């Protein structure tokens, strides 16, 4: 049980951390797309 707890982050749930990490990656990726896309912000037609 101590080995399993150590593998699973000392009793922390890994799923919420994984979801947060994915959300951060997606936000950074979206901002990078916006930044490198240029200055035309035609949201509905792009």
ModelCIF file with pLDDT and N, C-alpha, C, O atoms, coordinates in Angstrom:
data_MODEL
#
_entry.id   MODEL 
#
_entity.id                         1 
_entity.type                       polymer 
_entity.pdbx_number_of_molecules   1 
#
_entity_poly.entity_id                      1 
_entity_poly.type                           'polypeptide(L)' 
_entity_poly.nstd_linkage                   no 
_entity_poly.nstd_monomer                   no 
_entity_poly.pdbx_seq_one_letter_code       
;(UNK)(UNK)(UNK)(UNK)(UNK)(UNK)(UNK)(UNK)(UNK)(UNK)(UNK)(UNK)(UNK)(UNK)(UNK)(UNK)
(UNK)(UNK)(UNK)(UNK)(UNK)(UNK)(UNK)(UNK)(UNK)(UNK)(UNK)(UNK)(UNK)(UNK)(UNK)(UNK)
(UNK)(UNK)(UNK)(UNK)(UNK)(UNK)(UNK)(UNK)(UNK)(UNK)(UNK)(UNK)(UNK)(UNK)
;
_entity_poly.pdbx_seq_one_letter_code_can   XXXXXXXXXXXXXXXXXXXXXXXXXXXXXXXXXXXXXXXXXXXXXX 
_entity_poly.pdbx_strand_id                 A 
#
loop_
_entity_poly_seq.entity_id 
_entity_poly_seq.num 
_entity_poly_seq.mon_id 
_entity_poly_seq.hetero 
1 1  UNK n 
1 2  UNK n 
1 3  UNK n 
1 4  UNK n 
1 5  UNK n 
1 6  UNK n 
1 7  UNK n 
1 8  UNK n 
1 9  UNK n 
1 10 UNK n 
1 11 UNK n 
1 12 UNK n 
1 13 UNK n 
1 14 UNK n 
1 15 UNK n 
1 16 UNK n 
1 17 UNK n 
1 18 UNK n 
1 19 UNK n 
1 20 UNK n 
1 21 UNK n 
1 22 UNK n 
1 23 UNK n 
1 24 UNK n 
1 25 UNK n 
1 26 UNK n 
1 27 UNK n 
1 28 UNK n 
1 29 UNK n 
1 30 UNK n 
1 31 UNK n 
1 32 UNK n 
1 33 UNK n 
1 34 UNK n 
1 35 UNK n 
1 36 UNK n 
1 37 UNK n 
1 38 UNK n 
1 39 UNK n 
1 40 UNK n 
1 41 UNK n 
1 42 UNK n 
1 43 UNK n 
1 44 UNK n 
1 45 UNK n 
1 46 UNK n 
#
_struct_asym.id          A 
_struct_asym.entity_id   1 
#
loop_
_ma_qa_metric.id 
_ma_qa_metric.mode 
_ma_qa_metric.name 
_ma_qa_metric.software_group_id 
_ma_qa_metric.type 
1 global pLDDT . pLDDT 
2 local  pLDDT . pLDDT 
#
_ma_qa_metric_global.metric_id      1 
_ma_qa_metric_global.metric_value   78.50 
_ma_qa_metric_global.model_id       1 
_ma_qa_metric_global.ordinal_id     1 
#
loop_
_ma_qa_metric_local.label_asym_id 
_ma_qa_metric_local.label_comp_id 
_ma_qa_metric_local.label_seq_id 
_ma_qa_metric_local.metric_id 
_ma_qa_metric_local.metric_value 
_ma_qa_metric_local.model_id 
_ma_qa_metric_local.ordinal_id 
A UNK 1  2 62.00 1 1  
A UNK 2  2 60.00 1 2  
A UNK 3  2 61.00 1 3  
A UNK 4  2 59.00 1 4  
A UNK 5  2 57.00 1 5  
A UNK 6  2 60.00 1 6  
A UNK 7  2 59.00 1 7  
A UNK 8  2 58.00 1 8  
A UNK 9  2 58.00 1 9  
A UNK 10 2 64.00 1 10 
A UNK 11 2 71.00 1 11 
A UNK 12 2 77.00 1 12 
A UNK 13 2 83.00 1 13 
A UNK 14 2 88.00 1 14 
A UNK 15 2 91.00 1 15 
A UNK 16 2 91.00 1 16 
A UNK 17 2 92.00 1 17 
A UNK 18 2 93.00 1 18 
A UNK 19 2 95.00 1 19 
A UNK 20 2 96.00 1 20 
A UNK 21 2 96.00 1 21 
A UNK 22 2 97.00 1 22 
A UNK 23 2 97.00 1 23 
A UNK 24 2 97.00 1 24 
A UNK 25 2 97.00 1 25 
A UNK 26 2 94.00 1 26 
A UNK 27 2 95.00 1 27 
A UNK 28 2 94.00 1 28 
A UNK 29 2 91.00 1 29 
A UNK 30 2 86.00 1 30 
A UNK 31 2 87.00 1 31 
A UNK 32 2 87.00 1 32 
A UNK 33 2 82.00 1 33 
A UNK 34 2 80.00 1 34 
A UNK 35 2 80.00 1 35 
A UNK 36 2 79.00 1 36 
A UNK 37 2 72.00 1 37 
A UNK 38 2 69.00 1 38 
A UNK 39 2 69.00 1 39 
A UNK 40 2 67.00 1 40 
A UNK 41 2 66.00 1 41 
A UNK 42 2 69.00 1 42 
A UNK 43 2 67.00 1 43 
A UNK 44 2 74.00 1 44 
A UNK 45 2 74.00 1 45 
A UNK 46 2 70.00 1 46 
#
loop_
_atom_site.group_PDB 
_atom_site.id 
_atom_site.type_symbol 
_atom_site.label_atom_id 
_atom_site.label_alt_id 
_atom_site.label_comp_id 
_atom_site.label_asym_id 
_atom_site.label_entity_id 
_atom_site.label_seq_id 
_atom_site.pdbx_PDB_ins_code 
_atom_site.Cartn_x 
_atom_site.Cartn_y 
_atom_site.Cartn_z 
_atom_site.occupancy 
_atom_site.B_iso_or_equiv 
_atom_site.pdbx_formal_charge 
_atom_site.auth_seq_id 
_atom_site.auth_comp_id 
_atom_site.auth_asym_id 
_atom_site.auth_atom_id 
_atom_site.pdbx_PDB_model_num 
ATOM 1   N N  . UNK A 1 1  ? 0.828   -1.206 0.000   1.00 62.00 ? 1  UNK A N  1 
ATOM 2   C CA . UNK A 1 1  ? 0.000   0.000  0.000   1.00 62.00 ? 1  UNK A CA 1 
ATOM 3   C C  . UNK A 1 1  ? 0.865   1.260  0.000   1.00 62.00 ? 1  UNK A C  1 
ATOM 4   O O  . UNK A 1 1  ? 0.494   2.268  -0.602  1.00 62.00 ? 1  UNK A O  1 
ATOM 5   N N  . UNK A 1 2  ? 2.015   1.206  0.672   1.00 60.00 ? 2  UNK A N  1 
ATOM 6   C CA . UNK A 1 2  ? 2.919   2.355  0.657   1.00 60.00 ? 2  UNK A CA 1 
ATOM 7   C C  . UNK A 1 2  ? 3.521   2.547  -0.729  1.00 60.00 ? 2  UNK A C  1 
ATOM 8   O O  . UNK A 1 2  ? 3.706   3.677  -1.180  1.00 60.00 ? 2  UNK A O  1 
ATOM 9   N N  . UNK A 1 3  ? 3.827   1.434  -1.406  1.00 61.00 ? 3  UNK A N  1 
ATOM 10  C CA . UNK A 1 3  ? 4.361   1.526  -2.769  1.00 61.00 ? 3  UNK A CA 1 
ATOM 11  C C  . UNK A 1 3  ? 3.313   2.100  -3.715  1.00 61.00 ? 3  UNK A C  1 
ATOM 12  O O  . UNK A 1 3  ? 3.629   2.939  -4.559  1.00 61.00 ? 3  UNK A O  1 
ATOM 13  N N  . UNK A 1 4  ? 2.081   1.655  -3.579  1.00 59.00 ? 4  UNK A N  1 
ATOM 14  C CA . UNK A 1 4  ? 0.999   2.161  -4.430  1.00 59.00 ? 4  UNK A CA 1 
ATOM 15  C C  . UNK A 1 4  ? 0.759   3.639  -4.162  1.00 59.00 ? 4  UNK A C  1 
ATOM 16  O O  . UNK A 1 4  ? 0.555   4.411  -5.099  1.00 59.00 ? 4  UNK A O  1 
ATOM 17  N N  . UNK A 1 5  ? 0.779   4.046  -2.891  1.00 57.00 ? 5  UNK A N  1 
ATOM 18  C CA . UNK A 1 5  ? 0.578   5.456  -2.553  1.00 57.00 ? 5  UNK A CA 1 
ATOM 19  C C  . UNK A 1 5  ? 1.705   6.306  -3.125  1.00 57.00 ? 5  UNK A C  1 
ATOM 20  O O  . UNK A 1 5  ? 1.470   7.432  -3.563  1.00 57.00 ? 5  UNK A O  1 
ATOM 21  N N  . UNK A 1 6  ? 2.929   5.777  -3.124  1.00 60.00 ? 6  UNK A N  1 
ATOM 22  C CA . UNK A 1 6  ? 4.051   6.522  -3.673  1.00 60.00 ? 6  UNK A CA 1 
ATOM 23  C C  . UNK A 1 6  ? 3.907   6.662  -5.187  1.00 60.00 ? 6  UNK A C  1 
ATOM 24  O O  . UNK A 1 6  ? 4.213   7.715  -5.746  1.00 60.00 ? 6  UNK A O  1 
ATOM 25  N N  . UNK A 1 7  ? 3.446   5.609  -5.846  1.00 59.00 ? 7  UNK A N  1 
ATOM 26  C CA . UNK A 1 7  ? 3.239   5.651  -7.293  1.00 59.00 ? 7  UNK A CA 1 
ATOM 27  C C  . UNK A 1 7  ? 2.140   6.648  -7.643  1.00 59.00 ? 7  UNK A C  1 
ATOM 28  O O  . UNK A 1 7  ? 2.257   7.377  -8.628  1.00 59.00 ? 7  UNK A O  1 
ATOM 29  N N  . UNK A 1 8  ? 1.085   6.684  -6.855  1.00 58.00 ? 8  UNK A N  1 
ATOM 30  C CA . UNK A 1 8  ? -0.058  7.550  -7.134  1.00 58.00 ? 8  UNK A CA 1 
ATOM 31  C C  . UNK A 1 8  ? 0.097   8.944  -6.553  1.00 58.00 ? 8  UNK A C  1 
ATOM 32  O O  . UNK A 1 8  ? -0.908  9.627  -6.353  1.00 58.00 ? 8  UNK A O  1 
ATOM 33  N N  . UNK A 1 9  ? 1.287   9.386  -6.280  1.00 58.00 ? 9  UNK A N  1 
ATOM 34  C CA . UNK A 1 9  ? 1.512   10.750 -5.843  1.00 58.00 ? 9  UNK A CA 1 
ATOM 35  C C  . UNK A 1 9  ? 1.270   10.966 -4.372  1.00 58.00 ? 9  UNK A C  1 
ATOM 36  O O  . UNK A 1 9  ? 0.889   12.068 -3.976  1.00 58.00 ? 9  UNK A O  1 
ATOM 37  N N  . UNK A 1 10 ? 1.471   9.980  -3.561  1.00 64.00 ? 10 UNK A N  1 
ATOM 38  C CA . UNK A 1 10 ? 1.327   10.153 -2.120  1.00 64.00 ? 10 UNK A CA 1 
ATOM 39  C C  . UNK A 1 10 ? -0.103  10.350 -1.671  1.00 64.00 ? 10 UNK A C  1 
ATOM 40  O O  . UNK A 1 10 ? -0.344  11.079 -0.708  1.00 64.00 ? 10 UNK A O  1 
ATOM 41  N N  . UNK A 1 11 ? -1.056  9.727  -2.333  1.00 71.00 ? 11 UNK A N  1 
ATOM 42  C CA . UNK A 1 11 ? -2.443  9.836  -1.931  1.00 71.00 ? 11 UNK A CA 1 
ATOM 43  C C  . UNK A 1 11 ? -3.226  10.881 -2.708  1.00 71.00 ? 11 UNK A C  1 
ATOM 44  O O  . UNK A 1 11 ? -4.434  11.017 -2.514  1.00 71.00 ? 11 UNK A O  1 
ATOM 45  N N  . UNK A 1 12 ? -2.557  11.621 -3.585  1.00 77.00 ? 12 UNK A N  1 
ATOM 46  C CA . UNK A 1 12 ? -3.267  12.607 -4.409  1.00 77.00 ? 12 UNK A CA 1 
ATOM 47  C C  . UNK A 1 12 ? -3.968  11.913 -5.561  1.00 77.00 ? 12 UNK A C  1 
ATOM 48  O O  . UNK A 1 12 ? -3.503  10.890 -6.065  1.00 77.00 ? 12 UNK A O  1 
ATOM 49  N N  . UNK A 1 13 ? -5.073  12.470 -5.963  1.00 83.00 ? 13 UNK A N  1 
ATOM 50  C CA . UNK A 1 13 ? -5.761  11.972 -7.140  1.00 83.00 ? 13 UNK A CA 1 
ATOM 51  C C  . UNK A 1 13 ? -5.053  12.510 -8.379  1.00 83.00 ? 13 UNK A C  1 
ATOM 52  O O  . UNK A 1 13 ? -4.822  13.715 -8.481  1.00 83.00 ? 13 UNK A O  1 
ATOM 53  N N  . UNK A 1 14 ? -4.713  11.653 -9.302  1.00 88.00 ? 14 UNK A N  1 
ATOM 54  C CA . UNK A 1 14 ? -3.978  12.080 -10.485 1.00 88.00 ? 14 UNK A CA 1 
ATOM 55  C C  . UNK A 1 14 ? -4.895  12.599 -11.599 1.00 88.00 ? 14 UNK A C  1 
ATOM 56  O O  . UNK A 1 14 ? -4.459  13.399 -12.427 1.00 88.00 ? 14 UNK A O  1 
ATOM 57  N N  . UNK A 1 15 ? -6.141  12.160 -11.631 1.00 91.00 ? 15 UNK A N  1 
ATOM 58  C CA . UNK A 1 15 ? -7.043  12.584 -12.696 1.00 91.00 ? 15 UNK A CA 1 
ATOM 59  C C  . UNK A 1 15 ? -7.273  14.095 -12.708 1.00 91.00 ? 15 UNK A C  1 
ATOM 60  O O  . UNK A 1 15 ? -7.170  14.697 -13.777 1.00 91.00 ? 15 UNK A O  1 
ATOM 61  N N  . UNK A 1 16 ? -7.578  14.742 -11.579 1.00 91.00 ? 16 UNK A N  1 
ATOM 62  C CA . UNK A 1 16 ? -7.743  16.205 -11.631 1.00 91.00 ? 16 UNK A CA 1 
ATOM 63  C C  . UNK A 1 16 ? -6.457  16.928 -12.056 1.00 91.00 ? 16 UNK A C  1 
ATOM 64  O O  . UNK A 1 16 ? -6.510  17.932 -12.766 1.00 91.00 ? 16 UNK A O  1 
ATOM 65  N N  . UNK A 1 17 ? -5.312  16.413 -11.618 1.00 92.00 ? 17 UNK A N  1 
ATOM 66  C CA . UNK A 1 17 ? -4.047  17.025 -12.030 1.00 92.00 ? 17 UNK A CA 1 
ATOM 67  C C  . UNK A 1 17 ? -3.817  16.858 -13.520 1.00 92.00 ? 17 UNK A C  1 
ATOM 68  O O  . UNK A 1 17 ? -3.324  17.774 -14.178 1.00 92.00 ? 17 UNK A O  1 
ATOM 69  N N  . UNK A 1 18 ? -4.168  15.700 -14.060 1.00 93.00 ? 18 UNK A N  1 
ATOM 70  C CA . UNK A 1 18 ? -4.009  15.459 -15.490 1.00 93.00 ? 18 UNK A CA 1 
ATOM 71  C C  . UNK A 1 18 ? -4.948  16.351 -16.294 1.00 93.00 ? 18 UNK A C  1 
ATOM 72  O O  . UNK A 1 18 ? -4.565  16.867 -17.345 1.00 93.00 ? 18 UNK A O  1 
ATOM 73  N N  . UNK A 1 19 ? -6.171  16.536 -15.810 1.00 95.00 ? 19 UNK A N  1 
ATOM 74  C CA . UNK A 1 19 ? -7.125  17.404 -16.503 1.00 95.00 ? 19 UNK A CA 1 
ATOM 75  C C  . UNK A 1 19 ? -6.648  18.854 -16.476 1.00 95.00 ? 19 UNK A C  1 
ATOM 76  O O  . UNK A 1 19 ? -6.751  19.560 -17.479 1.00 95.00 ? 19 UNK A O  1 
ATOM 77  N N  . UNK A 1 20 ? -6.127  19.301 -15.332 1.00 96.00 ? 20 UNK A N  1 
ATOM 78  C CA . UNK A 1 20 ? -5.592  20.659 -15.234 1.00 96.00 ? 20 UNK A CA 1 
ATOM 79  C C  . UNK A 1 20 ? -4.408  20.855 -16.166 1.00 96.00 ? 20 UNK A C  1 
ATOM 80  O O  . UNK A 1 20 ? -4.292  21.893 -16.818 1.00 96.00 ? 20 UNK A O  1 
ATOM 81  N N  . UNK A 1 21 ? -3.528  19.860 -16.232 1.00 96.00 ? 21 UNK A N  1 
ATOM 82  C CA . UNK A 1 21 ? -2.362  19.953 -17.114 1.00 96.00 ? 21 UNK A CA 1 
ATOM 83  C C  . UNK A 1 21 ? -2.796  20.036 -18.572 1.00 96.00 ? 21 UNK A C  1 
ATOM 84  O O  . UNK A 1 21 ? -2.247  20.829 -19.336 1.00 96.00 ? 21 UNK A O  1 
ATOM 85  N N  . UNK A 1 22 ? -3.775  19.226 -18.966 1.00 97.00 ? 22 UNK A N  1 
ATOM 86  C CA . UNK A 1 22 ? -4.289  19.274 -20.336 1.00 97.00 ? 22 UNK A CA 1 
ATOM 87  C C  . UNK A 1 22 ? -4.927  20.626 -20.629 1.00 97.00 ? 22 UNK A C  1 
ATOM 88  O O  . UNK A 1 22 ? -4.738  21.175 -21.715 1.00 97.00 ? 22 UNK A O  1 
ATOM 89  N N  . UNK A 1 23 ? -5.677  21.166 -19.678 1.00 97.00 ? 23 UNK A N  1 
ATOM 90  C CA . UNK A 1 23 ? -6.304  22.472 -19.871 1.00 97.00 ? 23 UNK A CA 1 
ATOM 91  C C  . UNK A 1 23 ? -5.256  23.566 -20.037 1.00 97.00 ? 23 UNK A C  1 
ATOM 92  O O  . UNK A 1 23 ? -5.415  24.447 -20.881 1.00 97.00 ? 23 UNK A O  1 
ATOM 93  N N  . UNK A 1 24 ? -4.198  23.521 -19.252 1.00 97.00 ? 24 UNK A N  1 
ATOM 94  C CA . UNK A 1 24 ? -3.126  24.516 -19.374 1.00 97.00 ? 24 UNK A CA 1 
ATOM 95  C C  . UNK A 1 24 ? -2.455  24.411 -20.728 1.00 97.00 ? 24 UNK A C  1 
ATOM 96  O O  . UNK A 1 24 ? -2.186  25.427 -21.368 1.00 97.00 ? 24 UNK A O  1 
ATOM 97  N N  . UNK A 1 25 ? -2.181  23.184 -21.173 1.00 97.00 ? 25 UNK A N  1 
ATOM 98  C CA . UNK A 1 25 ? -1.549  22.985 -22.482 1.00 97.00 ? 25 UNK A CA 1 
ATOM 99  C C  . UNK A 1 25 ? -2.445  23.523 -23.592 1.00 97.00 ? 25 UNK A C  1 
ATOM 100 O O  . UNK A 1 25 ? -1.958  24.176 -24.515 1.00 97.00 ? 25 UNK A O  1 
ATOM 101 N N  . UNK A 1 26 ? -3.745  23.261 -23.516 1.00 94.00 ? 26 UNK A N  1 
ATOM 102 C CA . UNK A 1 26 ? -4.664  23.745 -24.551 1.00 94.00 ? 26 UNK A CA 1 
ATOM 103 C C  . UNK A 1 26 ? -4.766  25.263 -24.555 1.00 94.00 ? 26 UNK A C  1 
ATOM 104 O O  . UNK A 1 26 ? -4.852  25.870 -25.623 1.00 94.00 ? 26 UNK A O  1 
ATOM 105 N N  . UNK A 1 27 ? -4.757  25.886 -23.385 1.00 95.00 ? 27 UNK A N  1 
ATOM 106 C CA . UNK A 1 27 ? -4.818  27.350 -23.312 1.00 95.00 ? 27 UNK A CA 1 
ATOM 107 C C  . UNK A 1 27 ? -3.557  27.958 -23.917 1.00 95.00 ? 27 UNK A C  1 
ATOM 108 O O  . UNK A 1 27 ? -3.633  28.904 -24.701 1.00 95.00 ? 27 UNK A O  1 
ATOM 109 N N  . UNK A 1 28 ? -2.405  27.415 -23.554 1.00 94.00 ? 28 UNK A N  1 
ATOM 110 C CA . UNK A 1 28 ? -1.148  27.935 -24.106 1.00 94.00 ? 28 UNK A CA 1 
ATOM 111 C C  . UNK A 1 28 ? -1.109  27.726 -25.613 1.00 94.00 ? 28 UNK A C  1 
ATOM 112 O O  . UNK A 1 28 ? -0.677  28.614 -26.348 1.00 94.00 ? 28 UNK A O  1 
ATOM 113 N N  . UNK A 1 29 ? -1.555  26.566 -26.082 1.00 91.00 ? 29 UNK A N  1 
ATOM 114 C CA . UNK A 1 29 ? -1.595  26.292 -27.521 1.00 91.00 ? 29 UNK A CA 1 
ATOM 115 C C  . UNK A 1 29 ? -2.533  27.277 -28.231 1.00 91.00 ? 29 UNK A C  1 
ATOM 116 O O  . UNK A 1 29 ? -2.195  27.786 -29.300 1.00 91.00 ? 29 UNK A O  1 
ATOM 117 N N  . UNK A 1 30 ? -3.677  27.542 -27.662 1.00 86.00 ? 30 UNK A N  1 
ATOM 118 C CA . UNK A 1 30 ? -4.618  28.491 -28.274 1.00 86.00 ? 30 UNK A CA 1 
ATOM 119 C C  . UNK A 1 30 ? -4.061  29.896 -28.337 1.00 86.00 ? 30 UNK A C  1 
ATOM 120 O O  . UNK A 1 30 ? -4.246  30.593 -29.335 1.00 86.00 ? 30 UNK A O  1 
ATOM 121 N N  . UNK A 1 31 ? -3.384  30.317 -27.292 1.00 87.00 ? 31 UNK A N  1 
ATOM 122 C CA . UNK A 1 31 ? -2.772  31.648 -27.301 1.00 87.00 ? 31 UNK A CA 1 
ATOM 123 C C  . UNK A 1 31 ? -1.641  31.724 -28.317 1.00 87.00 ? 31 UNK A C  1 
ATOM 124 O O  . UNK A 1 31 ? -1.446  32.760 -28.952 1.00 87.00 ? 31 UNK A O  1 
ATOM 125 N N  . UNK A 1 32 ? -0.898  30.637 -28.474 1.00 87.00 ? 32 UNK A N  1 
ATOM 126 C CA . UNK A 1 32 ? 0.170   30.611 -29.474 1.00 87.00 ? 32 UNK A CA 1 
ATOM 127 C C  . UNK A 1 32 ? -0.412  30.718 -30.874 1.00 87.00 ? 32 UNK A C  1 
ATOM 128 O O  . UNK A 1 32 ? 0.142   31.418 -31.722 1.00 87.00 ? 32 UNK A O  1 
ATOM 129 N N  . UNK A 1 33 ? -1.524  30.033 -31.127 1.00 82.00 ? 33 UNK A N  1 
ATOM 130 C CA . UNK A 1 33 ? -2.185  30.134 -32.434 1.00 82.00 ? 33 UNK A CA 1 
ATOM 131 C C  . UNK A 1 33 ? -2.627  31.566 -32.681 1.00 82.00 ? 33 UNK A C  1 
ATOM 132 O O  . UNK A 1 33 ? -2.414  32.097 -33.771 1.00 82.00 ? 33 UNK A O  1 
ATOM 133 N N  . UNK A 1 34 ? -3.240  32.201 -31.686 1.00 80.00 ? 34 UNK A N  1 
ATOM 134 C CA . UNK A 1 34 ? -3.679  33.581 -31.842 1.00 80.00 ? 34 UNK A CA 1 
ATOM 135 C C  . UNK A 1 34 ? -2.508  34.521 -32.077 1.00 80.00 ? 34 UNK A C  1 
ATOM 136 O O  . UNK A 1 34 ? -2.586  35.417 -32.918 1.00 80.00 ? 34 UNK A O  1 
ATOM 137 N N  . UNK A 1 35 ? -1.426  34.322 -31.341 1.00 80.00 ? 35 UNK A N  1 
ATOM 138 C CA . UNK A 1 35 ? -0.274  35.229 -31.435 1.00 80.00 ? 35 UNK A CA 1 
ATOM 139 C C  . UNK A 1 35 ? 0.392   35.122 -32.802 1.00 80.00 ? 35 UNK A C  1 
ATOM 140 O O  . UNK A 1 35 ? 0.708   36.143 -33.414 1.00 80.00 ? 35 UNK A O  1 
ATOM 141 N N  . UNK A 1 36 ? 0.610   33.904 -33.289 1.00 79.00 ? 36 UNK A N  1 
ATOM 142 C CA . UNK A 1 36 ? 1.326   33.721 -34.544 1.00 79.00 ? 36 UNK A CA 1 
ATOM 143 C C  . UNK A 1 36 ? 0.425   33.820 -35.764 1.00 79.00 ? 36 UNK A C  1 
ATOM 144 O O  . UNK A 1 36 ? 0.917   33.808 -36.893 1.00 79.00 ? 36 UNK A O  1 
ATOM 145 N N  . UNK A 1 37 ? -0.865  33.917 -35.564 1.00 72.00 ? 37 UNK A N  1 
ATOM 146 C CA . UNK A 1 37 ? -1.800  34.012 -36.685 1.00 72.00 ? 37 UNK A CA 1 
ATOM 147 C C  . UNK A 1 37 ? -1.763  35.395 -37.322 1.00 72.00 ? 37 UNK A C  1 
ATOM 148 O O  . UNK A 1 37 ? -2.009  35.521 -38.521 1.00 72.00 ? 37 UNK A O  1 
ATOM 149 N N  . UNK A 1 38 ? -1.474  36.395 -36.576 1.00 69.00 ? 38 UNK A N  1 
ATOM 150 C CA . UNK A 1 38 ? -1.424  37.747 -37.117 1.00 69.00 ? 38 UNK A CA 1 
ATOM 151 C C  . UNK A 1 38 ? -2.397  38.664 -36.409 1.00 69.00 ? 38 UNK A C  1 
ATOM 152 O O  . UNK A 1 38 ? -2.879  38.365 -35.317 1.00 69.00 ? 38 UNK A O  1 
ATOM 153 N N  . UNK A 1 39 ? -2.673  39.779 -37.048 1.00 69.00 ? 39 UNK A N  1 
ATOM 154 C CA . UNK A 1 39 ? -3.501  40.795 -36.411 1.00 69.00 ? 39 UNK A CA 1 
ATOM 155 C C  . UNK A 1 39 ? -4.903  40.878 -36.991 1.00 69.00 ? 39 UNK A C  1 
ATOM 156 O O  . UNK A 1 39 ? -5.661  41.783 -36.643 1.00 69.00 ? 39 UNK A O  1 
ATOM 157 N N  . UNK A 1 40 ? -5.257  39.954 -37.866 1.00 67.00 ? 40 UNK A N  1 
ATOM 158 C CA . UNK A 1 40 ? -6.630  39.951 -38.370 1.00 67.00 ? 40 UNK A CA 1 
ATOM 159 C C  . UNK A 1 40 ? -7.479  39.067 -37.464 1.00 67.00 ? 40 UNK A C  1 
ATOM 160 O O  . UNK A 1 40 ? -7.226  37.868 -37.341 1.00 67.00 ? 40 UNK A O  1 
ATOM 161 N N  . UNK A 1 41 ? -8.474  39.654 -36.840 1.00 66.00 ? 41 UNK A N  1 
ATOM 162 C CA . UNK A 1 41 ? -9.313  38.926 -35.900 1.00 66.00 ? 41 UNK A CA 1 
ATOM 163 C C  . UNK A 1 41 ? -10.730 38.784 -36.441 1.00 66.00 ? 41 UNK A C  1 
ATOM 164 O O  . UNK A 1 41 ? -11.691 39.224 -35.811 1.00 66.00 ? 41 UNK A O  1 
ATOM 165 N N  . UNK A 1 42 ? -10.850 38.172 -37.602 1.00 69.00 ? 42 UNK A N  1 
ATOM 166 C CA . UNK A 1 42 ? -12.166 37.901 -38.167 1.00 69.00 ? 42 UNK A CA 1 
ATOM 167 C C  . UNK A 1 42 ? -12.639 36.561 -37.605 1.00 69.00 ? 42 UNK A C  1 
ATOM 168 O O  . UNK A 1 42 ? -12.522 35.520 -38.251 1.00 69.00 ? 42 UNK A O  1 
ATOM 169 N N  . UNK A 1 43 ? -13.168 36.616 -36.405 1.00 67.00 ? 43 UNK A N  1 
ATOM 170 C CA . UNK A 1 43 ? -13.462 35.409 -35.630 1.00 67.00 ? 43 UNK A CA 1 
ATOM 171 C C  . UNK A 1 43 ? -14.420 34.463 -36.331 1.00 67.00 ? 43 UNK A C  1 
ATOM 172 O O  . UNK A 1 43 ? -14.188 33.254 -36.338 1.00 67.00 ? 43 UNK A O  1 
ATOM 173 N N  . UNK A 1 44 ? -15.475 34.973 -36.913 1.00 74.00 ? 44 UNK A N  1 
ATOM 174 C CA . UNK A 1 44 ? -16.529 34.111 -37.462 1.00 74.00 ? 44 UNK A CA 1 
ATOM 175 C C  . UNK A 1 44 ? -16.172 33.521 -38.820 1.00 74.00 ? 44 UNK A C  1 
ATOM 176 O O  . UNK A 1 44 ? -16.690 32.463 -39.179 1.00 74.00 ? 44 UNK A O  1 
ATOM 177 N N  . UNK A 1 45 ? -15.306 34.168 -39.580 1.00 74.00 ? 45 UNK A N  1 
ATOM 178 C CA . UNK A 1 45 ? -14.981 33.682 -40.914 1.00 74.00 ? 45 UNK A CA 1 
ATOM 179 C C  . UNK A 1 45 ? -13.617 33.021 -41.009 1.00 74.00 ? 45 UNK A C  1 
ATOM 180 O O  . UNK A 1 45 ? -13.227 32.590 -42.094 1.00 74.00 ? 45 UNK A O  1 
ATOM 181 N N  . UNK A 1 46 ? -12.891 32.928 -39.929 1.00 70.00 ? 46 UNK A N  1 
ATOM 182 C CA . UNK A 1 46 ? -11.545 32.355 -39.960 1.00 70.00 ? 46 UNK A CA 1 
ATOM 183 C C  . UNK A 1 46 ? -11.593 30.914 -39.418 1.00 70.00 ? 46 UNK A C  1 
ATOM 184 O O  . UNK A 1 46 ? -10.563 30.243 -39.356 1.00 70.00 ? 46 UNK A O  1 
#
